[in-house]
């Protein structure tokens, strides 16, 4: 195997950048990690992530899964509903691929803070990783591999002259943590509504995160409501039988966009995570797609070669997965989040087929859990 670059510079210490630095450090690679934020600022985000089986395998390989056990909240059922057609499909663990059935969950919900606390603690304890937070990044050596994990507005991507395609959705996304009654502690819900998808994710002990897509101005307006007004509006969109008790944090509104860099590499640099791509949050695919980038970069580094060779191999390997997930999430939103009467029979038929045929549920769940590239490949046991 050809020798690897003597050093890797990772720009950005969010969940994807931090995991990249740690994964490379655990493989014996010399890594320099930089972020303009402090450790406290990196941990302060109020957000939860849906973790799928592709991410479970990566975290297990890196020795992180066991230590995150107490922070991971499994969901064993996924309730999918279309409000316009009154159709409903319930996915259960029996719909998982055989290799995924013995892991106590269709997926897991993981809060941002314990994830970042563990990643930063492991990074500080890894002798191969040099961390620079809230301070200037040292200049990399002339043959270092540069990994840009600095988010969707990536200044590194712009500095490298890599253009990107982008579409701003009319919808924004509002997230909030709430206490709910009437929903099982291990069930996640995805509700398709005319104004956009609406997800309810379990956080344990009767607490849930709602991910509420709606026109951007409506999201902004809802994020400023008094608590009682917000809960009233939330009660009106929750599925029947589910009622909100308390709002547990300040709702936050985010714009939504589809973004795809025209290249995932340039010279000896690579774009990873949301610096390279961004998709609609429907189905909770975003972070898992980013972490499959991490896995792809690890494989490219293990193959060896110069920094430019690694960058090229990584960039070429990630296109198909990213494009398939981006197109699938975009299609879901466009078909199921509208009032077009001509589409209603198609939507009803699609969900009825899913409800009736377990093979279709298994294929759908396999694509969501493991990524579309794994549909026709054997999964690791």
Protein backbone atom coordinates (compact mmCIF):
# COMPACT_ATOMS: atom_id res chain seq x y z
CA UNK A 1 0.00 0.00 0.00
CA UNK A 2 1.30 3.46 -0.92
CA UNK A 3 2.29 5.73 1.98
CA UNK A 4 -0.33 8.17 3.29
CA UNK A 5 0.17 11.95 3.68
CA UNK A 6 2.23 12.87 6.76
CA UNK A 7 -0.53 15.13 8.04
CA UNK A 8 -4.28 15.78 7.64
CA UNK A 9 -5.81 19.17 8.44
CA UNK A 10 -9.53 19.06 9.30
CA UNK A 11 -11.26 22.43 9.11
CA UNK A 12 -14.39 22.36 11.25
CA UNK A 13 -15.03 20.51 14.54
CA UNK A 14 -18.77 19.92 14.36
CA UNK A 15 -20.11 16.34 14.51
CA UNK A 16 -18.72 15.43 11.07
CA UNK A 17 -15.38 17.21 11.33
CA UNK A 18 -14.74 15.95 14.87
CA UNK A 19 -15.64 12.38 13.90
CA UNK A 20 -13.34 12.61 10.86
CA UNK A 21 -10.41 13.78 12.96
CA UNK A 22 -10.98 11.09 15.57
CA UNK A 23 -11.40 8.31 13.01
CA UNK A 24 -8.14 9.26 11.29
CA UNK A 25 -6.34 9.66 14.62
CA UNK A 26 -7.44 6.20 15.71
CA UNK A 27 -5.93 4.83 12.50
CA UNK A 28 -2.56 6.32 13.47
CA UNK A 29 -2.81 9.30 11.13
CA UNK A 30 -1.35 12.63 12.26
CA UNK A 31 -4.29 15.11 12.37
CA UNK A 32 -4.63 18.84 13.07
CA UNK A 33 -8.23 19.88 13.89
CA UNK A 34 -9.32 23.52 13.73
CA UNK A 35 -12.53 25.38 14.50
CA UNK A 36 -13.13 29.10 15.21
CA UNK A 37 -15.57 28.19 18.02
CA UNK A 38 -14.72 27.22 21.59
CA UNK A 39 -15.46 23.76 22.99
CA UNK A 40 -18.43 25.18 24.93
CA UNK A 41 -19.85 26.77 21.80
CA UNK A 42 -19.43 23.54 19.85
CA UNK A 43 -21.41 21.64 22.49
CA UNK A 44 -24.15 24.23 23.01
CA UNK A 45 -26.41 23.44 20.06
CA UNK A 46 -29.95 22.37 21.03
CA UNK A 47 -30.61 19.64 18.49
CA UNK A 48 -31.08 15.90 18.20
CA UNK A 49 -30.10 13.60 15.33
CA UNK A 50 -31.65 10.46 13.90
CA UNK A 51 -28.95 7.78 13.82
CA UNK A 52 -29.31 4.91 11.35
CA UNK A 53 -27.60 1.54 11.10
CA UNK A 54 -24.91 2.81 8.72
CA UNK A 55 -23.84 5.27 11.42
CA UNK A 56 -24.15 2.59 14.12
CA UNK A 57 -21.62 0.44 12.28
CA UNK A 58 -19.15 3.32 11.93
CA UNK A 59 -19.48 4.35 15.60
CA UNK A 60 -19.04 0.73 16.67
CA UNK A 61 -15.90 0.37 14.56
CA UNK A 62 -14.47 3.51 16.18
CA UNK A 63 -15.26 2.29 19.71
CA UNK A 64 -17.86 5.00 20.38
CA UNK A 65 -21.16 3.10 20.30
CA UNK A 66 -20.91 1.58 23.77
CA UNK A 67 -20.00 4.90 25.40
CA UNK A 68 -22.99 6.61 23.75
CA UNK A 69 -25.38 3.89 24.93
CA UNK A 70 -27.00 5.91 27.72
CA UNK A 71 -27.57 8.90 25.39
CA UNK A 72 -29.07 6.88 22.52
CA UNK A 73 -32.87 6.59 22.52
CA UNK A 74 -34.02 3.75 20.25
CA UNK A 75 -37.21 3.87 18.24
CA UNK A 76 -38.61 0.43 17.44
CA UNK A 77 -41.54 1.61 15.33
CA UNK A 78 -41.78 4.24 12.61
CA UNK A 79 -45.28 5.63 12.01
CA UNK A 80 -45.58 7.13 8.51
CA UNK A 81 -48.75 9.06 7.66
CA UNK A 82 -50.08 11.18 4.82
CA UNK A 83 -52.54 13.74 6.20
CA UNK A 84 -54.16 14.44 2.81
CA UNK A 85 -55.05 10.82 1.94
CA UNK A 86 -55.48 9.57 5.56
CA UNK A 87 -53.04 6.75 4.72
CA UNK A 88 -50.76 5.20 7.34
CA UNK A 89 -47.87 2.71 7.27
CA UNK A 90 -46.20 1.30 10.38
CA UNK A 91 -42.61 0.08 10.02
CA UNK A 92 -41.34 -2.28 12.73
CA UNK A 93 -38.11 -4.08 13.52
CA UNK A 94 -39.33 -7.10 11.54
CA UNK A 95 -38.91 -4.93 8.40
CA UNK A 96 -35.17 -4.51 9.02
CA UNK A 97 -32.47 -6.36 7.11
CA UNK A 98 -31.39 -9.55 8.91
CA UNK A 99 -28.00 -8.06 9.87
CA UNK A 100 -29.75 -5.14 11.62
CA UNK A 101 -32.48 -6.98 13.52
CA UNK A 102 -30.50 -7.77 16.67
CA UNK A 103 -29.61 -4.19 17.59
CA UNK A 104 -32.81 -3.13 19.38
CA UNK A 105 -34.03 -0.40 17.09
CA UNK A 106 -35.02 0.76 13.63
CA UNK A 107 -32.88 3.76 14.52
CA UNK A 108 -31.84 5.95 17.45
CA UNK A 109 -32.19 9.56 18.48
CA UNK A 110 -29.04 11.18 19.83
CA UNK A 111 -28.82 14.60 21.41
CA UNK A 112 -26.09 16.94 20.20
CA UNK A 113 -24.45 17.68 23.56
CA UNK A 114 -23.49 14.16 24.73
CA UNK A 115 -22.26 13.38 21.21
CA UNK A 116 -19.96 16.40 21.12
CA UNK A 117 -18.82 15.90 24.72
CA UNK A 118 -17.67 12.37 23.90
CA UNK A 119 -16.04 13.32 20.58
CA UNK A 120 -14.09 16.22 22.11
CA UNK A 121 -13.02 14.12 25.12
CA UNK A 122 -11.75 11.33 22.85
CA UNK A 123 -9.97 13.84 20.62
CA UNK A 124 -8.16 15.39 23.60
CA UNK A 125 -7.03 11.93 24.66
CA UNK A 126 -5.70 10.94 21.24
CA UNK A 127 -1.98 11.62 20.87
CA UNK A 128 -2.26 11.74 17.08
CA UNK A 129 -4.67 14.71 17.08
CA UNK A 130 -3.64 18.32 17.65
CA UNK A 131 -6.65 20.55 18.45
CA UNK A 132 -6.90 24.29 17.78
CA UNK A 133 -10.24 25.74 18.95
CA UNK A 134 -11.00 29.48 18.92
CA UNK A 135 -7.50 30.23 17.62
CA UNK A 136 -5.83 30.55 14.22
CA UNK A 137 -5.26 27.37 12.29
CA UNK A 138 -1.57 26.59 11.71
CA UNK A 139 -0.45 26.48 8.10
CA UNK A 140 -0.48 22.92 6.74
CA UNK A 141 2.58 21.31 5.26
CA UNK A 142 2.87 21.37 1.48
CA UNK A 143 1.89 17.68 1.17
CA UNK A 144 -0.91 17.57 3.80
CA UNK A 145 -4.43 16.42 3.00
CA UNK A 146 -6.94 19.21 3.70
CA UNK A 147 -10.45 18.18 4.82
CA UNK A 148 -13.05 20.96 4.71
CA UNK A 149 -15.88 20.19 7.15
CA UNK A 150 -16.93 23.81 7.63
CA UNK A 151 -20.62 23.54 6.81
CA UNK A 152 -22.99 24.52 3.99
CA UNK A 153 -21.61 28.07 3.75
CA UNK A 154 -18.08 26.63 3.55
CA UNK A 155 -15.54 29.46 3.11
CA UNK A 156 -12.99 26.79 2.16
CA UNK A 157 -15.17 25.61 -0.74
CA UNK A 158 -15.41 29.20 -1.95
CA UNK A 159 -11.65 29.78 -1.53
CA UNK A 160 -10.95 26.66 -3.62
CA UNK A 161 -13.22 27.97 -6.37
CA UNK A 162 -15.58 24.99 -6.24
CA UNK A 163 -19.01 26.07 -7.41
CA UNK A 164 -22.19 24.44 -6.20
CA UNK A 165 -25.72 23.83 -7.33
CA UNK A 166 -28.35 24.90 -4.86
CA UNK A 167 -32.11 25.19 -4.52
CA UNK A 168 -33.69 26.98 -1.58
CA UNK A 169 -36.90 25.28 -0.61
CA UNK A 170 -39.91 27.46 0.05
CA UNK A 171 -40.05 25.60 3.34
CA UNK A 172 -38.04 26.26 6.42
CA UNK A 173 -37.53 23.90 9.35
CA UNK A 174 -38.44 24.55 12.97
CA UNK A 175 -37.09 22.34 15.76
CA UNK A 176 -38.29 22.22 19.36
CA UNK A 177 -38.12 19.86 22.31
CA UNK A 178 -41.47 19.16 23.94
CA UNK A 179 -43.11 16.86 26.48
CA UNK A 180 -45.92 14.87 24.84
CA UNK A 181 -48.71 12.56 25.98
CA UNK A 182 -50.22 9.74 23.97
CA UNK A 183 -47.14 8.58 22.04
CA UNK A 184 -45.14 5.46 22.88
CA UNK A 185 -41.65 6.23 24.17
CA UNK A 186 -40.05 4.11 21.42
CA UNK A 187 -42.04 5.30 18.39
CA UNK A 188 -41.01 7.93 15.84
CA UNK A 189 -43.56 9.61 13.57
CA UNK A 190 -43.26 11.17 10.12
CA UNK A 191 -46.36 13.03 8.98
CA UNK A 192 -46.69 14.44 5.47
CA UNK A 193 -48.72 17.65 5.53
CA UNK A 194 -49.47 20.16 2.75
CA UNK A 195 -47.13 22.76 4.31
CA UNK A 196 -44.29 20.22 4.65
CA UNK A 197 -43.13 17.07 6.50
CA UNK A 198 -43.55 16.95 10.28
CA UNK A 199 -41.46 14.55 12.37
CA UNK A 200 -41.69 13.57 16.04
CA UNK A 201 -38.55 11.93 17.46
CA UNK A 202 -38.34 10.30 20.92
CA UNK A 203 -35.72 11.63 23.35
CA UNK A 204 -36.71 9.46 26.34
CA UNK A 205 -38.84 9.98 29.47
CA UNK A 206 -41.79 11.46 27.58
CA UNK A 207 -39.64 14.06 25.81
CA UNK A 208 -39.65 14.42 22.03
CA UNK A 209 -38.11 16.63 19.38
CA UNK A 210 -40.42 17.95 16.68
CA UNK A 211 -38.99 18.80 13.27
CA UNK A 212 -41.65 20.99 11.68
CA UNK A 213 -41.31 21.97 8.01
CA UNK A 214 -43.43 24.86 6.77
CA UNK A 215 -43.09 28.02 4.68
CA UNK A 216 -40.05 29.93 5.91
CA UNK A 217 -41.88 33.00 7.19
CA UNK A 218 -44.31 30.78 9.10
CA UNK A 219 -41.38 28.97 10.76
CA UNK A 220 -39.84 32.28 11.80
CA UNK A 221 -43.16 33.49 13.18
CA UNK A 222 -43.74 30.29 15.15
CA UNK A 223 -40.25 30.46 16.67
CA UNK A 224 -41.18 33.78 18.34
CA UNK A 225 -44.56 32.73 19.76
CA UNK A 226 -45.30 32.68 23.46
CA UNK A 227 -45.08 29.15 24.88
CA UNK A 228 -48.83 28.75 25.23
CA UNK A 229 -49.45 29.94 21.67
CA UNK A 230 -46.77 27.63 20.30
CA UNK A 231 -48.25 24.63 22.10
CA UNK A 232 -51.72 25.50 20.78
CA UNK A 233 -50.45 25.55 17.21
CA UNK A 234 -48.48 22.36 17.78
CA UNK A 235 -51.56 20.59 19.16
CA UNK A 236 -53.43 21.40 15.95
CA UNK A 237 -50.93 19.52 13.75
CA UNK A 238 -50.04 16.53 15.95
CA UNK A 239 -51.68 13.20 14.99
CA UNK A 240 -54.93 12.42 16.84
CA UNK A 241 -54.39 11.16 20.39
CA UNK A 242 -51.03 12.93 20.86
CA UNK A 243 -51.08 16.07 23.00
CA UNK A 244 -48.33 18.51 24.01
CA UNK A 245 -47.73 19.20 27.72
CA UNK A 246 -44.70 21.52 27.89
CA UNK A 247 -42.24 23.30 25.68
CA UNK A 248 -38.75 22.46 26.93
CA UNK A 249 -36.52 24.77 24.90
CA UNK A 250 -36.67 27.78 22.62
CA UNK A 251 -37.90 26.75 19.14
CA UNK A 252 -35.38 27.51 16.40
CA UNK A 253 -36.06 28.09 12.70
CA UNK A 254 -33.64 27.14 9.92
CA UNK A 255 -33.85 27.68 6.17
CA UNK A 256 -33.86 24.52 4.08
CA UNK A 257 -31.93 23.94 0.90
CA UNK A 258 -30.66 21.29 -1.45
CA UNK A 259 -26.96 21.85 -2.08
CA UNK A 260 -24.45 19.88 -4.14
CA UNK A 261 -20.85 20.93 -4.78
CA UNK A 262 -19.80 20.47 -8.39
CA UNK A 263 -16.75 18.58 -7.16
CA UNK A 264 -15.97 16.95 -3.82
CA UNK A 265 -12.24 17.48 -4.19
CA UNK A 266 -9.73 20.00 -5.51
CA UNK A 267 -6.02 19.24 -5.59
CA UNK A 268 -5.11 17.82 -2.18
CA UNK A 269 -8.31 19.03 -0.54
CA UNK A 270 -11.68 17.34 0.00
CA UNK A 271 -15.13 18.58 0.95
CA UNK A 272 -16.92 16.48 3.52
CA UNK A 273 -20.38 16.63 5.08
CA UNK A 274 -22.49 19.73 4.51
CA UNK A 275 -19.56 21.55 2.90
CA UNK A 276 -20.16 19.16 -0.03
CA UNK A 277 -23.90 18.49 0.08
CA UNK A 278 -27.09 19.23 1.91
CA UNK A 279 -30.53 17.67 1.57
CA UNK A 280 -34.02 18.12 3.00
CA UNK A 281 -34.24 16.77 6.59
CA UNK A 282 -37.18 14.46 5.74
CA UNK A 283 -36.30 10.94 6.84
CA UNK A 284 -33.38 12.10 9.00
CA UNK A 285 -30.81 11.35 6.30
CA UNK A 286 -28.54 14.39 6.67
CA UNK A 287 -26.05 13.45 9.40
CA UNK A 288 -25.95 9.79 8.34
CA UNK A 289 -25.05 10.80 4.79
CA UNK A 290 -22.30 13.03 6.20
CA UNK A 291 -20.95 10.19 8.31
CA UNK A 292 -20.87 7.90 5.28
CA UNK A 293 -18.52 10.56 3.88
CA UNK A 294 -16.30 9.93 6.90
CA UNK A 295 -16.33 6.20 6.18
CA UNK A 296 -15.54 6.89 2.52
CA UNK A 297 -12.60 9.11 3.44
CA UNK A 298 -11.25 6.47 5.82
CA UNK A 299 -11.33 3.93 3.01
CA UNK A 300 -9.55 6.32 0.65
CA UNK A 301 -6.84 7.05 3.23
CA UNK A 302 -6.39 3.33 3.92
CA UNK A 303 -5.80 2.75 0.20
CA UNK A 304 -2.90 5.18 0.50
CA UNK A 305 -1.21 7.42 -2.01
CA UNK A 306 -0.46 11.11 -2.13
CA UNK A 307 -2.89 13.66 -0.73
CA UNK A 308 -4.08 14.46 -4.26
CA UNK A 309 -4.64 10.75 -5.01
CA UNK A 310 -6.62 10.25 -1.79
CA UNK A 311 -8.69 13.36 -2.49
CA UNK A 312 -9.50 12.17 -6.03
CA UNK A 313 -10.42 8.64 -4.90
CA UNK A 314 -12.65 9.96 -2.14
CA UNK A 315 -14.36 12.52 -4.37
CA UNK A 316 -15.22 9.96 -7.04
CA UNK A 317 -16.46 7.36 -4.53
CA UNK A 318 -19.11 9.54 -2.86
CA UNK A 319 -21.08 10.89 -5.81
CA UNK A 320 -23.60 8.13 -6.36
CA UNK A 321 -24.69 7.82 -2.71
CA UNK A 322 -25.04 11.59 -2.28
CA UNK A 323 -27.01 12.08 -5.50
CA UNK A 324 -29.40 9.20 -4.78
CA UNK A 325 -30.21 10.44 -1.26
CA UNK A 326 -30.60 14.03 -2.45
CA UNK A 327 -32.96 13.05 -5.27
CA UNK A 328 -34.99 10.71 -3.04
CA UNK A 329 -35.55 13.27 -0.29
CA UNK A 330 -36.35 15.99 -2.83
CA UNK A 331 -38.88 13.75 -4.59
CA UNK A 332 -40.56 12.82 -1.30
CA UNK A 333 -41.06 16.46 -0.40
CA UNK A 334 -42.32 17.48 -3.83
CA UNK A 335 -44.78 14.59 -4.13
CA UNK A 336 -46.11 14.49 -0.56
CA UNK A 337 -46.00 18.16 0.52
CA UNK A 338 -48.48 19.82 -1.79
CA UNK A 339 -52.17 20.16 -2.52
CA UNK A 340 -52.16 18.80 -6.07
CA UNK A 341 -55.33 16.70 -6.39
CA UNK A 342 -53.90 14.71 -9.32
CA UNK A 343 -51.15 13.36 -7.05
CA UNK A 344 -53.45 12.18 -4.26
CA UNK A 345 -54.33 8.80 -5.88
CA UNK A 346 -50.62 8.15 -6.50
CA UNK A 347 -49.76 8.97 -2.90
CA UNK A 348 -52.55 6.77 -1.57
CA UNK A 349 -51.46 3.89 -3.83
CA UNK A 350 -47.81 4.19 -2.79
CA UNK A 351 -48.60 3.98 0.91
CA UNK A 352 -51.12 1.19 0.42
CA UNK A 353 -48.49 -0.86 -1.41
CA UNK A 354 -46.04 -0.24 1.42
CA UNK A 355 -48.68 -1.28 3.93
CA UNK A 356 -49.59 -4.49 2.08
CA UNK A 357 -46.19 -5.77 0.93
CA UNK A 358 -43.47 -6.40 3.48
CA UNK A 359 -40.81 -6.67 0.75
CA UNK A 360 -41.40 -3.01 -0.14
CA UNK A 361 -41.16 -1.98 3.51
CA UNK A 362 -37.90 -3.91 3.83
CA UNK A 363 -36.42 -2.25 0.73
CA UNK A 364 -37.51 1.21 1.87
CA UNK A 365 -36.14 0.71 5.38
CA UNK A 366 -32.92 -0.77 4.01
CA UNK A 367 -32.36 2.34 1.86
CA UNK A 368 -33.07 4.64 4.83
CA UNK A 369 -31.05 2.61 7.35
CA UNK A 370 -28.00 1.66 5.32
CA UNK A 371 -28.00 4.00 2.33
CA UNK A 372 -29.10 3.25 -1.23
CA UNK A 373 -25.62 1.97 -2.18
CA UNK A 374 -26.11 -1.00 0.17
CA UNK A 375 -29.44 -2.15 -1.27
CA UNK A 376 -27.98 -5.00 -3.29
CA UNK A 377 -24.90 -5.73 -1.17
CA UNK A 378 -24.46 -8.00 1.83
CA UNK A 379 -24.31 -6.09 5.10
CA UNK A 380 -21.59 -6.75 7.70
CA UNK A 381 -22.84 -9.02 10.48
